Amino acid sequence: MTDPSYLRELADLLDSRFRVPGTNVRFGLDPILSLIPGAGDLVSPAFAVLLVVQGVRQRVPKVILLRMLFNALVDAFIGSVPVAGNVADIFWRANARNLALLELHARPGVPPSRADYAAAWLLVIAFGMLVFVPAMIAIWLATIAWRLIG
């Protein structure tokens, strides 16, 4: 799995596969999928995790992994704004940014150390907490509100 060609294909599909006719503006499925409540907003973070795991396998420096997670967090933050977030997703393209970082800084052939894996798992857990905990709190609050109304 040292050849990230499938990641290139997914990044293109999520960020820039289609073009707005008559312009140079490109977009992918990410802003479209984010219109689906709940599940749509999880596609991009899940892909970010795949990129980080590939980065660990290819011994991308930890600071670059942090940069990749920062890009993903900005993407999640932008995407949380209704409608405007979908439009902003077209221009931010976190997946393409992160893939470019991965390809630029990857050092294939050098096996990752245990410290690399530990750092990556900590980043993935922190990223998951930042994305999933607020979603769970929102669902919990929605259930409470539903019970109060009904």
C-alpha atoms as a PDB file:
ATOM      1  CA  MET A   1       0.000   0.000   0.000  1.00  0.00           C
ATOM      2  CA  THR A   2       2.919   2.366  -0.618  1.00  0.00           C
ATOM      3  CA  ASP A   3       1.368   3.513  -3.912  1.00  0.00           C
ATOM      4  CA  PRO A   4      -1.305   6.042  -2.978  1.00  0.00           C
ATOM      5  CA  SER A   5      -2.878   6.113  -6.476  1.00  0.00           C
ATOM      6  CA  TYR A   6      -6.247   5.107  -5.024  1.00  0.00           C
ATOM      7  CA  LEU A   7      -5.917   8.065  -2.645  1.00  0.00           C
ATOM      8  CA  ARG A   8      -5.296  10.399  -5.608  1.00  0.00           C
ATOM      9  CA  GLU A   9      -8.446   9.077  -7.246  1.00  0.00           C
ATOM     10  CA  LEU A  10     -10.522   9.558  -4.072  1.00  0.00           C
ATOM     11  CA  ALA A  11      -9.135  13.063  -3.437  1.00  0.00           C
ATOM     12  CA  ASP A  12     -10.003  14.040  -7.000  1.00  0.00           C
ATOM     13  CA  LEU A  13     -13.502  12.573  -6.640  1.00  0.00           C
ATOM     14  CA  LEU A  14     -14.108  14.397  -3.353  1.00  0.00           C
ATOM     15  CA  ASP A  15     -12.548  17.760  -4.262  1.00  0.00           C
ATOM     16  CA  SER A  16     -12.200  18.467  -7.972  1.00  0.00           C
ATOM     17  CA  ARG A  17     -13.734  15.907 -10.326  1.00  0.00           C
ATOM     18  CA  PHE A  18     -16.355  18.250 -11.802  1.00  0.00           C
ATOM     19  CA  ARG A  19     -16.177  21.736 -13.288  1.00  0.00           C
ATOM     20  CA  VAL A  20     -18.788  24.491 -13.163  1.00  0.00           C
ATOM     21  CA  PRO A  21     -19.584  25.056 -16.859  1.00  0.00           C
ATOM     22  CA  GLY A  22     -18.087  28.225 -18.289  1.00  0.00           C
ATOM     23  CA  THR A  23     -15.653  28.666 -15.366  1.00  0.00           C
ATOM     24  CA  ASN A  24     -12.431  27.220 -14.019  1.00  0.00           C
ATOM     25  CA  VAL A  25     -14.130  26.443 -10.684  1.00  0.00           C
ATOM     26  CA  ARG A  26     -13.814  22.764  -9.857  1.00  0.00           C
ATOM     27  CA  PHE A  27     -15.660  20.808  -7.183  1.00  0.00           C
ATOM     28  CA  GLY A  28     -16.145  17.243  -6.067  1.00  0.00           C
ATOM     29  CA  LEU A  29     -18.603  15.125  -4.150  1.00  0.00           C
ATOM     30  CA  ASP A  30     -17.557  16.503  -0.740  1.00  0.00           C
ATOM     31  CA  PRO A  31     -19.814  19.596  -0.771  1.00  0.00           C
ATOM     32  CA  ILE A  32     -22.644  17.560  -2.309  1.00  0.00           C
ATOM     33  CA  LEU A  33     -22.378  14.712   0.207  1.00  0.00           C
ATOM     34  CA  SER A  34     -22.286  17.192   3.081  1.00  0.00           C
ATOM     35  CA  LEU A  35     -25.902  18.040   2.218  1.00  0.00           C
ATOM     36  CA  ILE A  36     -26.848  14.609   3.610  1.00  0.00           C
ATOM     37  CA  PRO A  37     -27.457  15.160   7.340  1.00  0.00           C
ATOM     38  CA  GLY A  38     -25.045  13.292   9.614  1.00  0.00           C
ATOM     39  CA  ALA A  39     -23.391  10.775   7.307  1.00  0.00           C
ATOM     40  CA  GLY A  40     -22.437  13.272   4.594  1.00  0.00           C
ATOM     41  CA  ASP A  41     -20.215  15.254   6.934  1.00  0.00           C
ATOM     42  CA  LEU A  42     -18.259  12.143   7.913  1.00  0.00           C
ATOM     43  CA  VAL A  43     -16.907  11.303   4.436  1.00  0.00           C
ATOM     44  CA  SER A  44     -14.183  13.953   4.392  1.00  0.00           C
ATOM     45  CA  PRO A  45     -12.934  13.257   7.949  1.00  0.00           C
ATOM     46  CA  ALA A  46     -12.839   9.524   7.179  1.00  0.00           C
ATOM     47  CA  PHE A  47     -10.716  10.234   4.099  1.00  0.00           C
ATOM     48  CA  ALA A  48      -8.462  12.487   6.199  1.00  0.00           C
ATOM     49  CA  VAL A  49      -7.856   9.528   8.526  1.00  0.00           C
ATOM     50  CA  LEU A  50      -6.908   7.364   5.516  1.00  0.00           C
ATOM     51  CA  LEU A  51      -4.407  10.016   4.408  1.00  0.00           C
ATOM     52  CA  VAL A  52      -2.882  10.279   7.898  1.00  0.00           C
ATOM     53  CA  VAL A  53      -2.540   6.492   8.175  1.00  0.00           C
ATOM     54  CA  GLN A  54      -0.868   6.424   4.742  1.00  0.00           C
ATOM     55  CA  GLY A  55       1.373   9.259   5.918  1.00  0.00           C
ATOM     56  CA  VAL A  56       2.491   7.197   8.912  1.00  0.00           C
ATOM     57  CA  ARG A  57       3.183   4.207   6.679  1.00  0.00           C
ATOM     58  CA  GLN A  58       5.316   6.387   4.408  1.00  0.00           C
ATOM     59  CA  ARG A  59       7.095   8.076   7.331  1.00  0.00           C
ATOM     60  CA  VAL A  60       5.778  11.552   6.684  1.00  0.00           C
ATOM     61  CA  PRO A  61       7.210  13.852   9.386  1.00  0.00           C
ATOM     62  CA  LYS A  62       4.909  14.322  12.380  1.00  0.00           C
ATOM     63  CA  VAL A  63       4.697  18.049  11.823  1.00  0.00           C
ATOM     64  CA  ILE A  64       3.267  17.374   8.351  1.00  0.00           C
ATOM     65  CA  LEU A  65       0.755  14.945   9.853  1.00  0.00           C
ATOM     66  CA  LEU A  66      -0.289  17.741  12.205  1.00  0.00           C
ATOM     67  CA  ARG A  67      -0.639  20.076   9.256  1.00  0.00           C
ATOM     68  CA  MET A  68      -2.804  17.505   7.504  1.00  0.00           C
ATOM     69  CA  LEU A  69      -5.033  17.212  10.559  1.00  0.00           C
ATOM     70  CA  PHE A  70      -5.234  20.998  10.800  1.00  0.00           C
ATOM     71  CA  ASN A  71      -6.442  21.116   7.172  1.00  0.00           C
ATOM     72  CA  ALA A  72      -9.037  18.455   7.987  1.00  0.00           C
ATOM     73  CA  LEU A  73     -10.207  20.347  11.082  1.00  0.00           C
ATOM     74  CA  VAL A  74     -10.569  23.563   9.094  1.00  0.00           C
ATOM     75  CA  ASP A  75     -12.566  21.578   6.526  1.00  0.00           C
ATOM     76  CA  ALA A  76     -14.830  20.185   9.252  1.00  0.00           C
ATOM     77  CA  PHE A  77     -15.282  23.653  10.764  1.00  0.00           C
ATOM     78  CA  ILE A  78     -16.073  25.231   7.384  1.00  0.00           C
ATOM     79  CA  GLY A  79     -18.434  22.394   6.524  1.00  0.00           C
ATOM     80  CA  SER A  80     -20.386  22.875   9.750  1.00  0.00           C
ATOM     81  CA  VAL A  81     -21.775  26.193   8.498  1.00  0.00           C
ATOM     82  CA  PRO A  82     -25.044  25.466   6.654  1.00  0.00           C
ATOM     83  CA  VAL A  83     -25.037  26.257   2.909  1.00  0.00           C
ATOM     84  CA  ALA A  84     -22.078  28.692   3.094  1.00  0.00           C
ATOM     85  CA  GLY A  85     -19.933  25.798   4.318  1.00  0.00           C
ATOM     86  CA  ASN A  86     -20.830  23.755   1.249  1.00  0.00           C
ATOM     87  CA  VAL A  87     -19.743  26.612  -1.007  1.00  0.00           C
ATOM     88  CA  ALA A  88     -16.547  27.184   1.007  1.00  0.00           C
ATOM     89  CA  ASP A  89     -15.761  23.439   0.712  1.00  0.00           C
ATOM     90  CA  ILE A  90     -15.414  23.974  -3.035  1.00  0.00           C
ATOM     91  CA  PHE A  91     -12.555  26.417  -2.487  1.00  0.00           C
ATOM     92  CA  TRP A  92     -10.779  24.938   0.578  1.00  0.00           C
ATOM     93  CA  ARG A  93     -10.208  21.405  -0.839  1.00  0.00           C
ATOM     94  CA  ALA A  94      -8.610  19.909   2.268  1.00  0.00           C
ATOM     95  CA  ASN A  95      -8.363  16.452   0.716  1.00  0.00           C
ATOM     96  CA  ALA A  96      -6.320  17.697  -2.246  1.00  0.00           C
ATOM     97  CA  ARG A  97      -4.137  19.798   0.078  1.00  0.00           C
ATOM     98  CA  ASN A  98      -3.472  16.826   2.326  1.00  0.00           C
ATOM     99  CA  LEU A  99      -2.704  14.512  -0.572  1.00  0.00           C
ATOM    100  CA  ALA A 100      -0.210  17.061  -1.921  1.00  0.00           C
ATOM    101  CA  LEU A 101       1.454  17.195   1.520  1.00  0.00           C
ATOM    102  CA  LEU A 102       1.560  13.390   1.657  1.00  0.00           C
ATOM    103  CA  GLU A 103       3.115  13.058  -1.785  1.00  0.00           C
ATOM    104  CA  LEU A 104       5.626  15.849  -1.151  1.00  0.00           C
ATOM    105  CA  HIS A 105       6.878  14.564   2.197  1.00  0.00           C
ATOM    106  CA  ALA A 106       6.545  10.772   1.878  1.00  0.00           C
ATOM    107  CA  ARG A 107       9.673   8.688   2.227  1.00  0.00           C
ATOM    108  CA  PRO A 108       8.749   5.228   0.894  1.00  0.00           C
ATOM    109  CA  GLY A 109      10.823   2.234   1.885  1.00  0.00           C
ATOM    110  CA  VAL A 110      11.492   3.325   5.462  1.00  0.00           C
ATOM    111  CA  PRO A 111       9.254   1.469   7.921  1.00  0.00           C
ATOM    112  CA  PRO A 112       7.435   3.617  10.490  1.00  0.00           C
ATOM    113  CA  SER A 113       8.507   3.291  14.097  1.00  0.00           C
ATOM    114  CA  ARG A 114       6.263   2.540  17.065  1.00  0.00           C
ATOM    115  CA  ALA A 115       6.470   6.224  17.996  1.00  0.00           C
ATOM    116  CA  ASP A 116       5.121   7.115  14.541  1.00  0.00           C
ATOM    117  CA  TYR A 117       2.169   4.790  15.027  1.00  0.00           C
ATOM    118  CA  ALA A 118       1.533   6.091  18.544  1.00  0.00           C
ATOM    119  CA  ALA A 119       1.597   9.705  17.340  1.00  0.00           C
ATOM    120  CA  ALA A 120      -0.740   8.899  14.462  1.00  0.00           C
ATOM    121  CA  TRP A 121      -3.231   7.101  16.700  1.00  0.00           C
ATOM    122  CA  LEU A 122      -3.184   9.984  19.156  1.00  0.00           C
ATOM    123  CA  LEU A 123      -3.871  12.401  16.313  1.00  0.00           C
ATOM    124  CA  VAL A 124      -6.660  10.214  14.958  1.00  0.00           C
ATOM    125  CA  ILE A 125      -8.234   9.906  18.423  1.00  0.00           C
ATOM    126  CA  ALA A 126      -7.977  13.667  19.011  1.00  0.00           C
ATOM    127  CA  PHE A 127      -9.445  14.334  15.570  1.00  0.00           C
ATOM    128  CA  GLY A 128     -12.243  11.862  16.246  1.00  0.00           C
ATOM    129  CA  MET A 129     -13.006  13.492  19.574  1.00  0.00           C
ATOM    130  CA  LEU A 130     -13.184  16.918  17.948  1.00  0.00           C
ATOM    131  CA  VAL A 131     -15.529  15.697  15.226  1.00  0.00           C
ATOM    132  CA  PHE A 132     -17.637  12.982  16.860  1.00  0.00           C
ATOM    133  CA  VAL A 133     -18.099  14.296  20.403  1.00  0.00           C
ATOM    134  CA  PRO A 134     -19.865  17.485  19.258  1.00  0.00           C
ATOM    135  CA  ALA A 135     -22.033  15.375  16.938  1.00  0.00           C
ATOM    136  CA  MET A 136     -23.006  13.073  19.816  1.00  0.00           C
ATOM    137  CA  ILE A 137     -23.780  16.068  22.056  1.00  0.00           C
ATOM    138  CA  ALA A 138     -25.966  17.532  19.294  1.00  0.00           C
ATOM    139  CA  ILE A 139     -27.863  14.247  18.939  1.00  0.00           C
ATOM    140  CA  TRP A 140     -28.284  14.021  22.716  1.00  0.00           C
ATOM    141  CA  LEU A 141     -29.595  17.595  22.901  1.00  0.00           C
ATOM    142  CA  ALA A 142     -31.936  16.950  19.973  1.00  0.00           C
ATOM    143  CA  THR A 143     -33.396  13.906  21.771  1.00  0.00           C
ATOM    144  CA  ILE A 144     -33.937  15.933  24.922  1.00  0.00           C
ATOM    145  CA  ALA A 145     -35.628  18.693  22.915  1.00  0.00           C
ATOM    146  CA  TRP A 146     -37.786  16.116  21.106  1.00  0.00           C
ATOM    147  CA  ARG A 147     -38.924  14.627  24.423  1.00  0.00           C
ATOM    148  CA  LEU A 148     -39.757  18.067  25.799  1.00  0.00           C
ATOM    149  CA  ILE A 149     -41.794  18.949  22.718  1.00  0.00           C
ATOM    150  CA  GLY A 150     -43.526  15.579  22.397  1.00  0.00           C
END
